[in-house]
Amino acid sequence: MSKYGKYIVTELKEPEERKKLAPVYNTYARRILWMDKDVVPGAFNMNTSWYLKAARTIDDKPHTHDADEIIGFFSCDAQKPYDLGGEIEIWLEDEQHIITRSCMIFVPAGLTHCPLVLRRVDRPIFHFTVVVAGQYVKKEQEK
């Protein structure tokens, strides 16, 4: 066991509440990895998935977070990295957005977002979310 190997996550370790949603989630997506403070003490939350087919997602109701979030959707075609290969509907407050290009969406803390609908998935779409609790503080190292 190395000193820093504990920071490397190579197996899916979902929270129990997410495991309960897996039968529905797995009908349209494949979760890859999940990280949070319970997987790696001190870590913030990030999860990754492949979206595989059109569906109304488990994020079908508007919600907020107490922390900022980044939501990402990426093409899996290296020759067309900005052509998403599908169509995703996401709501930010009362605005509907239709996403057809690779993107990252910044969702400030408290901003209502979702539902999230996979309207069309022509090829797998890589998806991630990052939720960072608290404030980013940079401490300069003493030399």
C-alpha atoms as a PDB file:
ATOM      1  CA  MET A   1       0.000   0.000   0.000  1.00  0.00           C
ATOM      2  CA  SER A   2       1.521   3.293  -1.071  1.00  0.00           C
ATOM      3  CA  LYS A   3       1.193   6.578   0.761  1.00  0.00           C
ATOM      4  CA  TYR A   4      -0.948   8.252  -1.931  1.00  0.00           C
ATOM      5  CA  GLY A   5      -2.644   5.309  -3.618  1.00  0.00           C
ATOM      6  CA  LYS A   6      -5.738   5.978  -1.493  1.00  0.00           C
ATOM      7  CA  TYR A   7      -6.444   9.000  -3.719  1.00  0.00           C
ATOM      8  CA  ILE A   8      -6.798   6.878  -6.865  1.00  0.00           C
ATOM      9  CA  VAL A   9     -10.286   5.478  -7.525  1.00  0.00           C
ATOM     10  CA  THR A  10     -10.603   2.742 -10.162  1.00  0.00           C
ATOM     11  CA  GLU A  11     -13.813   0.995  -9.051  1.00  0.00           C
ATOM     12  CA  LEU A  12     -17.368   2.287  -8.774  1.00  0.00           C
ATOM     13  CA  LYS A  13     -18.382   2.961  -5.160  1.00  0.00           C
ATOM     14  CA  GLU A  14     -21.799   4.601  -5.249  1.00  0.00           C
ATOM     15  CA  PRO A  15     -23.708   5.836  -2.210  1.00  0.00           C
ATOM     16  CA  GLU A  16     -26.538   3.545  -1.103  1.00  0.00           C
ATOM     17  CA  GLU A  17     -29.258   5.959  -2.278  1.00  0.00           C
ATOM     18  CA  ARG A  18     -27.729   5.944  -5.788  1.00  0.00           C
ATOM     19  CA  LYS A  19     -27.490   2.156  -5.802  1.00  0.00           C
ATOM     20  CA  LYS A  20     -31.256   2.030  -5.195  1.00  0.00           C
ATOM     21  CA  LEU A  21     -31.784   4.122  -8.366  1.00  0.00           C
ATOM     22  CA  ALA A  22     -29.484   1.914 -10.460  1.00  0.00           C
ATOM     23  CA  PRO A  23     -32.207  -0.307 -12.000  1.00  0.00           C
ATOM     24  CA  VAL A  24     -33.827   2.759 -13.604  1.00  0.00           C
ATOM     25  CA  TYR A  25     -30.550   4.588 -14.315  1.00  0.00           C
ATOM     26  CA  ASN A  26     -29.045   1.538 -16.026  1.00  0.00           C
ATOM     27  CA  THR A  27     -31.856   1.491 -18.611  1.00  0.00           C
ATOM     28  CA  TYR A  28     -30.326   4.548 -20.320  1.00  0.00           C
ATOM     29  CA  ALA A  29     -26.842   5.068 -18.845  1.00  0.00           C
ATOM     30  CA  ARG A  30     -23.777   3.356 -17.426  1.00  0.00           C
ATOM     31  CA  ARG A  31     -22.165   4.904 -14.346  1.00  0.00           C
ATOM     32  CA  ILE A  32     -18.364   4.743 -14.542  1.00  0.00           C
ATOM     33  CA  LEU A  33     -16.956   6.181 -11.316  1.00  0.00           C
ATOM     34  CA  TRP A  34     -18.163   8.129  -8.292  1.00  0.00           C
ATOM     35  CA  MET A  35     -16.063  10.144  -5.860  1.00  0.00           C
ATOM     36  CA  ASP A  36     -17.068  11.959  -2.694  1.00  0.00           C
ATOM     37  CA  LYS A  37     -15.890  12.282   0.916  1.00  0.00           C
ATOM     38  CA  ASP A  38     -17.133   8.772   1.688  1.00  0.00           C
ATOM     39  CA  VAL A  39     -15.045   7.237  -1.104  1.00  0.00           C
ATOM     40  CA  VAL A  40     -11.954   9.377  -0.477  1.00  0.00           C
ATOM     41  CA  PRO A  41     -11.959  11.332   2.803  1.00  0.00           C
ATOM     42  CA  GLY A  42     -11.689  15.047   2.044  1.00  0.00           C
ATOM     43  CA  ALA A  43     -12.799  14.760  -1.585  1.00  0.00           C
ATOM     44  CA  PHE A  44     -15.598  16.763  -3.175  1.00  0.00           C
ATOM     45  CA  ASN A  45     -18.253  15.081  -5.314  1.00  0.00           C
ATOM     46  CA  MET A  46     -17.709  14.041  -8.921  1.00  0.00           C
ATOM     47  CA  ASN A  47     -19.468  11.338 -10.863  1.00  0.00           C
ATOM     48  CA  THR A  48     -19.078  10.114 -14.428  1.00  0.00           C
ATOM     49  CA  SER A  49     -21.313   8.171 -16.808  1.00  0.00           C
ATOM     50  CA  TRP A  50     -21.952   7.206 -20.387  1.00  0.00           C
ATOM     51  CA  TYR A  51     -25.399   8.155 -21.667  1.00  0.00           C
ATOM     52  CA  LEU A  52     -26.460   5.387 -24.028  1.00  0.00           C
ATOM     53  CA  LYS A  53     -30.050   6.011 -25.147  1.00  0.00           C
ATOM     54  CA  ALA A  54     -32.851   8.572 -25.124  1.00  0.00           C
ATOM     55  CA  ALA A  55     -34.780   8.794 -21.851  1.00  0.00           C
ATOM     56  CA  ARG A  56     -36.195  11.045 -19.193  1.00  0.00           C
ATOM     57  CA  THR A  57     -33.457  10.850 -16.559  1.00  0.00           C
ATOM     58  CA  ILE A  58     -33.651  10.311 -12.815  1.00  0.00           C
ATOM     59  CA  ASP A  59     -32.991  14.075 -12.583  1.00  0.00           C
ATOM     60  CA  ASP A  60     -36.529  14.716 -13.785  1.00  0.00           C
ATOM     61  CA  LYS A  61     -37.449  17.346 -11.200  1.00  0.00           C
ATOM     62  CA  PRO A  62     -36.024  20.848 -10.656  1.00  0.00           C
ATOM     63  CA  HIS A  63     -33.597  21.074  -7.741  1.00  0.00           C
ATOM     64  CA  THR A  64     -30.839  23.211  -6.220  1.00  0.00           C
ATOM     65  CA  HIS A  65     -27.572  22.652  -4.402  1.00  0.00           C
ATOM     66  CA  ASP A  66     -25.914  24.588  -1.579  1.00  0.00           C
ATOM     67  CA  ALA A  67     -22.673  24.440  -3.577  1.00  0.00           C
ATOM     68  CA  ASP A  68     -21.668  25.315  -7.128  1.00  0.00           C
ATOM     69  CA  GLU A  69     -21.915  22.582  -9.751  1.00  0.00           C
ATOM     70  CA  ILE A  70     -20.426  21.944 -13.166  1.00  0.00           C
ATOM     71  CA  ILE A  71     -22.352  19.637 -15.495  1.00  0.00           C
ATOM     72  CA  GLY A  72     -20.600  18.284 -18.594  1.00  0.00           C
ATOM     73  CA  PHE A  73     -21.685  16.528 -21.771  1.00  0.00           C
ATOM     74  CA  PHE A  74     -19.052  15.400 -24.282  1.00  0.00           C
ATOM     75  CA  SER A  75     -18.949  13.804 -27.723  1.00  0.00           C
ATOM     76  CA  CYS A  76     -17.229  10.431 -27.921  1.00  0.00           C
ATOM     77  CA  ASP A  77     -16.112  11.086 -31.517  1.00  0.00           C
ATOM     78  CA  ALA A  78     -12.509  12.338 -31.541  1.00  0.00           C
ATOM     79  CA  GLN A  79     -12.934  13.442 -35.184  1.00  0.00           C
ATOM     80  CA  LYS A  80     -15.962  15.609 -34.258  1.00  0.00           C
ATOM     81  CA  PRO A  81     -15.310  16.555 -30.627  1.00  0.00           C
ATOM     82  CA  TYR A  82     -17.952  19.309 -30.529  1.00  0.00           C
ATOM     83  CA  ASP A  83     -20.748  17.372 -32.269  1.00  0.00           C
ATOM     84  CA  LEU A  84     -22.464  15.827 -29.258  1.00  0.00           C
ATOM     85  CA  GLY A  85     -24.068  13.041 -31.255  1.00  0.00           C
ATOM     86  CA  GLY A  86     -27.392  13.636 -29.585  1.00  0.00           C
ATOM     87  CA  GLU A  87     -29.744  16.192 -28.122  1.00  0.00           C
ATOM     88  CA  ILE A  88     -30.089  16.968 -24.423  1.00  0.00           C
ATOM     89  CA  GLU A  89     -32.759  19.142 -22.833  1.00  0.00           C
ATOM     90  CA  ILE A  90     -31.857  20.849 -19.569  1.00  0.00           C
ATOM     91  CA  TRP A  91     -33.630  23.584 -17.655  1.00  0.00           C
ATOM     92  CA  LEU A  92     -31.878  26.412 -15.796  1.00  0.00           C
ATOM     93  CA  GLU A  93     -34.513  28.201 -13.700  1.00  0.00           C
ATOM     94  CA  ASP A  94     -37.382  28.768 -16.179  1.00  0.00           C
ATOM     95  CA  GLU A  95     -35.200  28.553 -19.315  1.00  0.00           C
ATOM     96  CA  GLN A  96     -35.153  25.464 -21.497  1.00  0.00           C
ATOM     97  CA  HIS A  97     -31.816  24.766 -23.205  1.00  0.00           C
ATOM     98  CA  ILE A  98     -31.301  22.229 -25.994  1.00  0.00           C
ATOM     99  CA  ILE A  99     -27.709  21.012 -26.083  1.00  0.00           C
ATOM    100  CA  THR A 100     -26.270  19.529 -29.303  1.00  0.00           C
ATOM    101  CA  ARG A 101     -22.593  20.361 -28.777  1.00  0.00           C
ATOM    102  CA  SER A 102     -20.052  19.237 -26.177  1.00  0.00           C
ATOM    103  CA  CYS A 103     -20.340  21.604 -23.259  1.00  0.00           C
ATOM    104  CA  MET A 104     -19.821  22.360 -19.621  1.00  0.00           C
ATOM    105  CA  ILE A 105     -22.553  24.159 -17.689  1.00  0.00           C
ATOM    106  CA  PHE A 106     -21.776  26.161 -14.561  1.00  0.00           C
ATOM    107  CA  VAL A 107     -24.662  26.033 -12.093  1.00  0.00           C
ATOM    108  CA  PRO A 108     -24.144  28.522  -9.241  1.00  0.00           C
ATOM    109  CA  ALA A 109     -25.205  27.440  -5.762  1.00  0.00           C
ATOM    110  CA  GLY A 110     -28.936  27.924  -5.310  1.00  0.00           C
ATOM    111  CA  LEU A 111     -29.782  28.030  -9.047  1.00  0.00           C
ATOM    112  CA  THR A 112     -32.744  25.778  -9.814  1.00  0.00           C
ATOM    113  CA  HIS A 113     -31.897  23.324 -12.591  1.00  0.00           C
ATOM    114  CA  CYS A 114     -33.401  20.280 -14.315  1.00  0.00           C
ATOM    115  CA  PRO A 115     -35.330  18.346 -15.513  1.00  0.00           C
ATOM    116  CA  LEU A 116     -32.689  16.698 -17.663  1.00  0.00           C
ATOM    117  CA  VAL A 117     -34.005  14.808 -20.711  1.00  0.00           C
ATOM    118  CA  LEU A 118     -31.962  12.771 -23.185  1.00  0.00           C
ATOM    119  CA  ARG A 119     -34.015  13.578 -26.280  1.00  0.00           C
ATOM    120  CA  ARG A 120     -31.723  11.782 -28.716  1.00  0.00           C
ATOM    121  CA  VAL A 121     -28.555   9.717 -28.250  1.00  0.00           C
ATOM    122  CA  ASP A 122     -26.998   8.712 -31.590  1.00  0.00           C
ATOM    123  CA  ARG A 123     -23.763   7.485 -29.992  1.00  0.00           C
ATOM    124  CA  PRO A 124     -22.601   7.374 -26.363  1.00  0.00           C
ATOM    125  CA  ILE A 125     -22.308  10.750 -24.640  1.00  0.00           C
ATOM    126  CA  PHE A 126     -19.810  11.138 -21.803  1.00  0.00           C
ATOM    127  CA  HIS A 127     -21.428  12.909 -18.842  1.00  0.00           C
ATOM    128  CA  PHE A 128     -20.052  14.205 -15.560  1.00  0.00           C
ATOM    129  CA  THR A 129     -21.054  16.389 -12.656  1.00  0.00           C
ATOM    130  CA  VAL A 130     -18.820  18.085 -10.118  1.00  0.00           C
ATOM    131  CA  VAL A 131     -20.248  19.603  -6.945  1.00  0.00           C
ATOM    132  CA  VAL A 132     -17.711  21.520  -4.876  1.00  0.00           C
ATOM    133  CA  ALA A 133     -18.708  22.302  -1.326  1.00  0.00           C
ATOM    134  CA  GLY A 134     -17.348  25.405   0.268  1.00  0.00           C
ATOM    135  CA  GLN A 135     -14.984  27.983  -1.124  1.00  0.00           C
ATOM    136  CA  TYR A 136     -11.832  27.445  -3.169  1.00  0.00           C
ATOM    137  CA  VAL A 137      -8.966  28.918  -1.188  1.00  0.00           C
ATOM    138  CA  LYS A 138      -5.449  28.898  -2.608  1.00  0.00           C
ATOM    139  CA  LYS A 139      -2.638  28.818  -0.035  1.00  0.00           C
ATOM    140  CA  GLU A 140       0.784  29.756  -1.350  1.00  0.00           C
ATOM    141  CA  GLN A 141       3.541  27.329  -0.346  1.00  0.00           C
ATOM    142  CA  GLU A 142       6.434  28.757   1.631  1.00  0.00           C
ATOM    143  CA  LYS A 143       9.785  28.268  -0.030  1.00  0.00           C
END
